[in-house]
């Protein structure tokens, strides 16, 4: 069964409560999404570590309910 954009966003927000999350359904099939996730929890982490944190939030959903995820991550901009 495909994963909804809402489910995907909720799972990411549960793991990263401060996250700004934008989900785009790339094909309209509930299997192919793009996600842009910005969180202070990513500070000091490599891009690979940031992506792993998001994949961990999906609790094994990748490859099962979710076939493809184009992922962009980053830390919030600070106004100094």
N, C-alpha and C. Protein backbone atom coordinates (compact mmCIF):
# COMPACT_ATOMS: atom_id res chain seq x y z
N UNK A 1 0.85 -1.18 0.00
CA UNK A 1 0.00 0.00 0.00
C UNK A 1 0.89 1.24 0.00
N UNK A 2 0.62 2.21 -0.88
CA UNK A 2 1.42 3.44 -0.95
C UNK A 2 1.31 4.26 0.34
N UNK A 3 2.30 5.11 0.53
CA UNK A 3 2.34 6.01 1.68
C UNK A 3 1.84 7.38 1.22
N UNK A 4 0.99 8.02 1.99
CA UNK A 4 0.51 9.36 1.63
C UNK A 4 1.56 10.40 1.99
N UNK A 5 1.48 11.54 1.35
CA UNK A 5 2.38 12.65 1.66
C UNK A 5 2.23 13.05 3.13
N UNK A 6 1.00 13.01 3.63
CA UNK A 6 0.75 13.34 5.04
C UNK A 6 1.43 12.37 5.99
N UNK A 7 1.38 11.08 5.66
CA UNK A 7 2.05 10.08 6.50
C UNK A 7 3.55 10.31 6.50
N UNK A 8 4.09 10.56 5.33
CA UNK A 8 5.52 10.80 5.20
C UNK A 8 5.95 12.01 6.04
N UNK A 9 5.21 13.10 5.91
CA UNK A 9 5.51 14.30 6.68
C UNK A 9 5.40 14.04 8.18
N UNK A 10 4.37 13.33 8.59
CA UNK A 10 4.16 13.04 10.02
C UNK A 10 5.31 12.21 10.59
N UNK A 11 5.78 11.23 9.85
CA UNK A 11 6.88 10.39 10.34
C UNK A 11 8.16 11.21 10.49
N UNK A 12 8.42 12.10 9.55
CA UNK A 12 9.61 12.94 9.64
C UNK A 12 9.48 13.89 10.82
N UNK A 13 8.31 14.49 11.00
CA UNK A 13 8.11 15.43 12.12
C UNK A 13 8.17 14.74 13.48
N UNK A 14 7.78 13.49 13.56
CA UNK A 14 7.89 12.76 14.83
C UNK A 14 9.35 12.59 15.23
N UNK A 15 10.21 12.32 14.26
CA UNK A 15 11.63 12.13 14.54
C UNK A 15 12.38 13.45 14.67
N UNK A 16 11.92 14.47 13.94
CA UNK A 16 12.58 15.77 13.92
C UNK A 16 11.52 16.85 14.17
N UNK A 17 11.10 17.04 15.42
CA UNK A 17 9.97 17.91 15.72
C UNK A 17 10.10 19.36 15.25
N UNK A 18 11.33 19.85 15.14
CA UNK A 18 11.52 21.24 14.72
C UNK A 18 11.57 21.39 13.19
N UNK A 19 11.47 20.30 12.49
CA UNK A 19 11.70 20.30 11.04
C UNK A 19 10.66 21.10 10.26
N UNK A 20 11.16 21.78 9.24
CA UNK A 20 10.31 22.36 8.20
C UNK A 20 10.31 21.32 7.09
N UNK A 21 9.15 20.83 6.72
CA UNK A 21 9.05 19.71 5.78
C UNK A 21 8.15 20.11 4.61
N UNK A 22 8.66 19.94 3.40
CA UNK A 22 7.87 20.13 2.20
C UNK A 22 7.91 18.82 1.41
N UNK A 23 6.75 18.27 1.13
CA UNK A 23 6.63 17.00 0.40
C UNK A 23 5.94 17.27 -0.94
N UNK A 24 6.50 16.72 -2.00
CA UNK A 24 5.90 16.81 -3.32
C UNK A 24 5.74 15.40 -3.87
N UNK A 25 4.53 15.06 -4.28
CA UNK A 25 4.27 13.76 -4.92
C UNK A 25 4.67 13.91 -6.39
N UNK A 26 5.72 13.25 -6.81
CA UNK A 26 6.29 13.45 -8.13
C UNK A 26 5.48 12.83 -9.26
N UNK A 27 4.73 11.77 -8.97
CA UNK A 27 3.98 11.09 -10.01
C UNK A 27 2.49 10.97 -9.72
N UNK A 28 2.07 11.34 -8.53
CA UNK A 28 0.67 11.20 -8.16
C UNK A 28 0.29 9.77 -7.82
N UNK A 29 1.30 8.93 -7.56
CA UNK A 29 1.02 7.52 -7.29
C UNK A 29 1.28 7.11 -5.84
N UNK A 30 1.73 8.04 -4.99
CA UNK A 30 2.01 7.72 -3.60
C UNK A 30 3.25 6.87 -3.41
N UNK A 31 4.05 6.73 -4.46
CA UNK A 31 5.26 5.91 -4.41
C UNK A 31 6.54 6.71 -4.66
N UNK A 32 6.40 7.87 -5.28
CA UNK A 32 7.56 8.66 -5.69
C UNK A 32 7.39 10.09 -5.18
N UNK A 33 8.21 10.45 -4.19
CA UNK A 33 8.12 11.76 -3.56
C UNK A 33 9.44 12.50 -3.62
N UNK A 34 9.35 13.81 -3.49
CA UNK A 34 10.50 14.66 -3.21
C UNK A 34 10.23 15.28 -1.85
N UNK A 35 11.25 15.34 -1.02
CA UNK A 35 11.11 15.94 0.31
C UNK A 35 12.25 16.94 0.53
N UNK A 36 11.88 18.10 1.04
CA UNK A 36 12.86 19.10 1.45
C UNK A 36 12.68 19.25 2.95
N UNK A 37 13.72 18.90 3.71
CA UNK A 37 13.63 18.88 5.16
C UNK A 37 14.73 19.78 5.73
N UNK A 38 14.32 20.75 6.54
CA UNK A 38 15.26 21.65 7.19
C UNK A 38 15.09 21.49 8.70
N UNK A 39 16.21 21.21 9.40
CA UNK A 39 16.14 20.99 10.84
C UNK A 39 17.45 21.38 11.50
N UNK A 40 17.34 21.98 12.68
CA UNK A 40 18.54 22.31 13.47
C UNK A 40 19.28 21.05 13.89
N UNK A 41 18.59 19.92 13.94
CA UNK A 41 19.22 18.66 14.32
C UNK A 41 20.28 18.23 13.30
N UNK A 42 20.26 18.80 12.11
CA UNK A 42 21.23 18.46 11.08
C UNK A 42 22.55 19.21 11.24
N UNK A 43 22.59 20.20 12.12
CA UNK A 43 23.80 21.02 12.29
C UNK A 43 25.01 20.15 12.63
N UNK A 44 26.10 20.39 11.90
CA UNK A 44 27.33 19.66 12.15
C UNK A 44 27.37 18.26 11.55
N UNK A 45 26.32 17.86 10.88
CA UNK A 45 26.25 16.52 10.29
C UNK A 45 26.51 16.61 8.79
N UNK A 46 27.11 15.56 8.25
CA UNK A 46 27.32 15.50 6.80
C UNK A 46 25.97 15.29 6.12
N UNK A 47 25.93 15.53 4.82
CA UNK A 47 24.71 15.32 4.05
C UNK A 47 24.25 13.86 4.17
N UNK A 48 25.18 12.93 4.14
CA UNK A 48 24.84 11.50 4.28
C UNK A 48 24.21 11.24 5.65
N UNK A 49 24.77 11.82 6.70
CA UNK A 49 24.20 11.64 8.04
C UNK A 49 22.81 12.25 8.14
N UNK A 50 22.62 13.41 7.51
CA UNK A 50 21.31 14.06 7.52
C UNK A 50 20.28 13.18 6.82
N UNK A 51 20.64 12.64 5.67
CA UNK A 51 19.72 11.77 4.92
C UNK A 51 19.41 10.51 5.71
N UNK A 52 20.42 9.96 6.39
CA UNK A 52 20.18 8.76 7.20
C UNK A 52 19.18 9.05 8.31
N UNK A 53 19.24 10.23 8.89
CA UNK A 53 18.29 10.60 9.95
C UNK A 53 16.86 10.60 9.40
N UNK A 54 16.69 11.09 8.18
CA UNK A 54 15.35 11.11 7.57
C UNK A 54 14.92 9.68 7.25
N UNK A 55 15.81 8.89 6.65
CA UNK A 55 15.46 7.50 6.32
C UNK A 55 15.12 6.71 7.59
N UNK A 56 15.86 6.96 8.67
CA UNK A 56 15.56 6.29 9.95
C UNK A 56 14.16 6.67 10.43
N UNK A 57 13.75 7.90 10.19
CA UNK A 57 12.42 8.36 10.60
C UNK A 57 11.32 7.58 9.87
N UNK A 58 11.63 7.07 8.70
CA UNK A 58 10.63 6.35 7.90
C UNK A 58 10.46 4.90 8.35
N UNK A 59 11.26 4.48 9.32
CA UNK A 59 11.11 3.17 9.97
C UNK A 59 10.94 2.02 8.99
N UNK A 60 11.82 1.96 8.02
CA UNK A 60 11.79 0.83 7.08
C UNK A 60 10.79 0.97 5.95
N UNK A 61 10.13 2.12 5.82
CA UNK A 61 9.15 2.30 4.77
C UNK A 61 9.74 2.40 3.37
N UNK A 62 11.03 2.78 3.28
CA UNK A 62 11.68 2.88 1.97
C UNK A 62 11.77 1.49 1.36
N UNK A 63 11.39 1.40 0.09
CA UNK A 63 11.47 0.13 -0.62
C UNK A 63 10.24 -0.73 -0.43
N UNK A 64 9.41 -0.38 0.54
CA UNK A 64 8.18 -1.14 0.80
C UNK A 64 7.00 -0.27 0.38
N UNK A 65 6.53 0.59 1.27
CA UNK A 65 5.42 1.49 0.93
C UNK A 65 5.88 2.66 0.08
N UNK A 66 7.15 2.99 0.17
CA UNK A 66 7.69 4.15 -0.52
C UNK A 66 8.81 3.68 -1.45
N UNK A 67 8.60 3.85 -2.74
CA UNK A 67 9.57 3.35 -3.71
C UNK A 67 10.74 4.30 -3.93
N UNK A 68 10.47 5.60 -4.02
CA UNK A 68 11.53 6.56 -4.32
C UNK A 68 11.32 7.85 -3.54
N UNK A 69 12.43 8.39 -3.03
CA UNK A 69 12.40 9.65 -2.30
C UNK A 69 13.59 10.50 -2.73
N UNK A 70 13.32 11.58 -3.44
CA UNK A 70 14.35 12.56 -3.78
C UNK A 70 14.45 13.49 -2.58
N UNK A 71 15.57 13.46 -1.90
CA UNK A 71 15.69 14.12 -0.60
C UNK A 71 16.69 15.27 -0.64
N UNK A 72 16.26 16.42 -0.13
CA UNK A 72 17.12 17.56 0.10
C UNK A 72 17.02 17.90 1.57
N UNK A 73 18.17 18.10 2.22
CA UNK A 73 18.18 18.44 3.64
C UNK A 73 19.05 19.66 3.86
N UNK A 74 18.83 20.32 4.99
CA UNK A 74 19.65 21.47 5.34
C UNK A 74 19.35 21.95 6.74
N UNK A 75 20.13 22.89 7.19
CA UNK A 75 19.93 23.50 8.51
C UNK A 75 19.28 24.86 8.30
N UNK A 76 18.53 25.34 9.29
CA UNK A 76 17.89 26.65 9.17
C UNK A 76 18.94 27.75 9.03
N UNK A 77 18.61 28.75 8.24
CA UNK A 77 19.51 29.91 8.12
C UNK A 77 19.40 30.72 9.39
N UNK A 78 20.54 31.25 9.82
CA UNK A 78 20.53 32.11 11.00
C UNK A 78 20.72 33.55 10.55
N UNK A 79 19.98 34.43 11.15
CA UNK A 79 20.09 35.86 10.84
C UNK A 79 21.01 36.51 11.85
N UNK A 80 22.23 36.75 11.41
CA UNK A 80 23.21 37.36 12.32
C UNK A 80 23.57 38.72 11.85
